[in-house]
Amino acid sequence: MIRILVLADTHIPVAARDIPSQIYREIDKVDLILHAGDIVEEVFLKKLSSLKEVKTVRGNMDSIILQKTLSEKSIINIGKFKIGLVHGSGSSANILDRIRNGLEGTDVIVFGHTHNSLNLVKEDVLFFNPGSPTDRVFAIFNSYGILEIDEEIKGEIIRL
């Protein structure tokens, strides 16, 4: 089984100095980290990357350096599954339709931007938003996510 830590909207160092220690303990138990953007500063991405392989995309609040070096969207192949990774933009209304554009044929779409977690299958696609572990703007609670991949993909939202 492959276990993936899913983060988005960490906003380091704007929303917090660092992510909660619970997430660092989780890193030891995963094979990969997916970050759906709004990392904000390159220093935090380097820190995460020193601990585990990280696949990420840019978000609307990322620094100019990250905006220039990271892609808007990415498709990651893991076993027989295709995972789309995108930050998202605009209002929460119809965001699932907007983020699907350019990620057709994926089994999972991991996204952020709304700060609200989501673990929803719609039209045979798992839409997975881990929420934000640090920023409570627009969010009822802070959270992160875990994807487990075996014969199928299972997502779990962990509330902080």
Protein backbone atom coordinates (compact mmCIF):
# COMPACT_ATOMS: atom_id res chain seq x y z
CA MET A 1 0.00 0.00 0.00
CA ILE A 2 1.13 3.55 -0.78
CA ARG A 3 0.33 6.21 1.78
CA ILE A 4 0.34 9.90 0.83
CA LEU A 5 0.23 12.97 3.07
CA VAL A 6 -1.90 15.65 1.41
CA LEU A 7 -1.49 19.32 2.31
CA ALA A 8 -2.74 22.61 0.90
CA ASP A 9 -2.91 26.23 1.97
CA THR A 10 -0.18 26.01 4.60
CA HIS A 11 0.56 29.74 4.12
CA ILE A 12 3.92 29.52 5.93
CA PRO A 13 5.02 31.97 7.43
CA VAL A 14 1.94 34.18 6.99
CA ALA A 15 -0.73 32.09 8.77
CA ALA A 16 1.71 30.31 11.10
CA ARG A 17 5.43 29.86 11.63
CA ASP A 18 5.19 26.17 10.84
CA ILE A 19 2.75 23.31 10.40
CA PRO A 20 1.52 21.47 13.52
CA SER A 21 3.86 18.85 15.00
CA GLN A 22 1.21 16.16 14.42
CA ILE A 23 1.83 16.53 10.67
CA TYR A 24 5.59 16.07 11.10
CA ARG A 25 4.90 12.80 12.94
CA GLU A 26 2.69 11.75 10.01
CA ILE A 27 5.54 12.35 7.52
CA ASP A 28 7.42 9.35 8.94
CA LYS A 29 4.45 7.12 8.04
CA VAL A 30 3.98 8.17 4.39
CA ASP A 31 5.69 7.48 1.07
CA LEU A 32 5.02 10.85 -0.57
CA ILE A 33 3.70 14.35 0.13
CA LEU A 34 1.30 16.14 -2.20
CA HIS A 35 0.88 19.87 -1.64
CA ALA A 36 -1.91 21.64 -3.55
CA GLY A 37 -0.40 25.11 -3.42
CA ASP A 38 -0.28 28.23 -1.28
CA ILE A 39 2.92 27.11 0.35
CA VAL A 40 3.83 30.84 0.26
CA GLU A 41 7.61 30.73 0.88
CA GLU A 42 10.25 28.57 -0.80
CA VAL A 43 11.99 27.93 2.55
CA PHE A 44 9.06 25.84 3.78
CA LEU A 45 8.98 23.80 0.55
CA LYS A 46 12.71 23.08 0.94
CA LYS A 47 12.11 21.97 4.53
CA LEU A 48 9.33 19.57 3.50
CA SER A 49 11.40 18.28 0.57
CA SER A 50 14.29 17.48 2.91
CA LEU A 51 11.99 15.11 4.83
CA LYS A 52 10.15 13.30 2.01
CA GLU A 53 9.54 13.54 -1.74
CA VAL A 54 7.09 16.38 -2.43
CA LYS A 55 4.94 16.92 -5.52
CA THR A 56 3.36 20.35 -5.61
CA VAL A 57 1.74 23.04 -7.74
CA ARG A 58 1.57 26.78 -7.32
CA GLY A 59 -1.23 28.58 -5.55
CA ASN A 60 -2.49 32.14 -5.85
CA MET A 61 -0.67 33.26 -2.67
CA ASP A 62 2.73 31.72 -3.43
CA SER A 63 5.86 33.86 -3.70
CA ILE A 64 7.08 35.10 -7.08
CA ILE A 65 9.82 32.45 -7.06
CA LEU A 66 7.31 29.64 -6.52
CA GLN A 67 4.93 31.16 -9.08
CA LYS A 68 7.74 31.00 -11.66
CA THR A 69 9.07 27.54 -10.80
CA LEU A 70 5.92 25.51 -10.05
CA SER A 71 3.28 24.37 -12.53
CA GLU A 72 -0.38 25.33 -12.32
CA LYS A 73 -1.47 21.68 -12.69
CA SER A 74 0.19 18.30 -12.56
CA ILE A 75 -0.78 14.68 -13.15
CA ILE A 76 0.98 12.07 -11.02
CA ASN A 77 0.85 8.39 -11.96
CA ILE A 78 0.85 6.00 -9.01
CA GLY A 79 0.33 2.40 -9.96
CA LYS A 80 -2.77 2.19 -12.15
CA PHE A 81 -4.12 5.51 -10.87
CA LYS A 82 -3.77 9.08 -12.14
CA ILE A 83 -3.88 11.85 -9.56
CA GLY A 84 -4.49 15.40 -10.72
CA LEU A 85 -2.99 18.15 -8.57
CA VAL A 86 -4.17 21.76 -8.80
CA HIS A 87 -4.70 24.64 -6.39
CA GLY A 88 -7.97 26.08 -7.67
CA SER A 89 -9.14 29.67 -7.93
CA GLY A 90 -12.15 31.90 -7.57
CA SER A 91 -15.15 31.27 -5.37
CA SER A 92 -16.15 27.90 -3.96
CA ALA A 93 -19.22 27.86 -6.21
CA ASN A 94 -18.64 25.44 -9.10
CA ILE A 95 -15.00 24.93 -8.13
CA LEU A 96 -15.20 21.20 -8.89
CA ASP A 97 -16.17 21.91 -12.49
CA ARG A 98 -13.39 24.50 -12.86
CA ILE A 99 -10.60 22.37 -11.41
CA ARG A 100 -11.56 19.37 -13.54
CA ASN A 101 -10.66 21.35 -16.68
CA GLY A 102 -7.31 20.07 -17.94
CA LEU A 103 -7.33 17.08 -15.59
CA GLU A 104 -9.71 14.86 -17.53
CA GLY A 105 -9.02 11.14 -17.22
CA THR A 106 -7.76 11.35 -13.64
CA ASP A 107 -9.04 9.12 -10.86
CA VAL A 108 -8.45 11.69 -8.12
CA ILE A 109 -8.22 15.46 -8.17
CA VAL A 110 -6.38 16.92 -5.19
CA PHE A 111 -6.98 20.64 -4.74
CA GLY A 112 -6.94 23.45 -2.20
CA HIS A 113 -7.82 27.16 -2.23
CA THR A 114 -11.10 26.97 -0.27
CA HIS A 115 -9.44 26.03 3.06
CA ASN A 116 -12.37 23.62 3.58
CA SER A 117 -11.78 19.89 3.46
CA LEU A 118 -13.64 17.70 0.98
CA ASN A 119 -13.58 13.94 0.36
CA LEU A 120 -16.22 13.40 -2.33
CA VAL A 121 -16.67 11.02 -5.25
CA LYS A 122 -18.50 12.67 -8.14
CA GLU A 123 -18.85 11.05 -11.58
CA ASP A 124 -16.22 8.39 -10.70
CA VAL A 125 -13.61 10.98 -9.65
CA LEU A 126 -12.48 11.46 -6.04
CA PHE A 127 -12.30 15.19 -5.32
CA PHE A 128 -9.99 15.57 -2.34
CA ASN A 129 -9.25 18.84 -0.57
CA PRO A 130 -7.25 18.43 2.66
CA GLY A 131 -8.29 21.84 3.98
CA SER A 132 -5.69 24.07 5.61
CA PRO A 133 -3.65 22.94 8.62
CA THR A 134 -2.84 26.52 9.63
CA ASP A 135 -5.31 29.07 8.22
CA ARG A 136 -8.87 29.35 9.58
CA VAL A 137 -10.01 31.99 7.07
CA PHE A 138 -13.14 30.53 5.41
CA ALA A 139 -12.66 27.27 7.36
CA ILE A 140 -14.60 25.81 10.27
CA PHE A 141 -11.58 23.76 11.38
CA ASN A 142 -7.97 23.07 10.38
CA SER A 143 -7.13 19.77 8.73
CA TYR A 144 -4.88 17.73 6.45
CA GLY A 145 -5.45 14.57 4.45
CA ILE A 146 -4.18 11.06 3.85
CA LEU A 147 -4.63 9.09 0.64
CA GLU A 148 -4.09 5.33 0.75
CA ILE A 149 -3.57 3.56 -2.56
CA ASP A 150 -3.84 -0.18 -2.99
CA GLU A 151 -6.36 -1.82 -5.31
CA GLU A 152 -8.42 1.33 -4.83
CA ILE A 153 -7.88 4.84 -3.49
CA LYS A 154 -9.20 5.83 -0.10
CA GLY A 155 -9.09 9.36 1.29
CA GLU A 156 -9.25 10.46 4.90
CA ILE A 157 -9.49 13.98 6.33
CA ILE A 158 -7.75 14.44 9.68
CA ARG A 159 -9.10 17.27 11.78
CA LEU A 160 -6.57 19.18 13.89
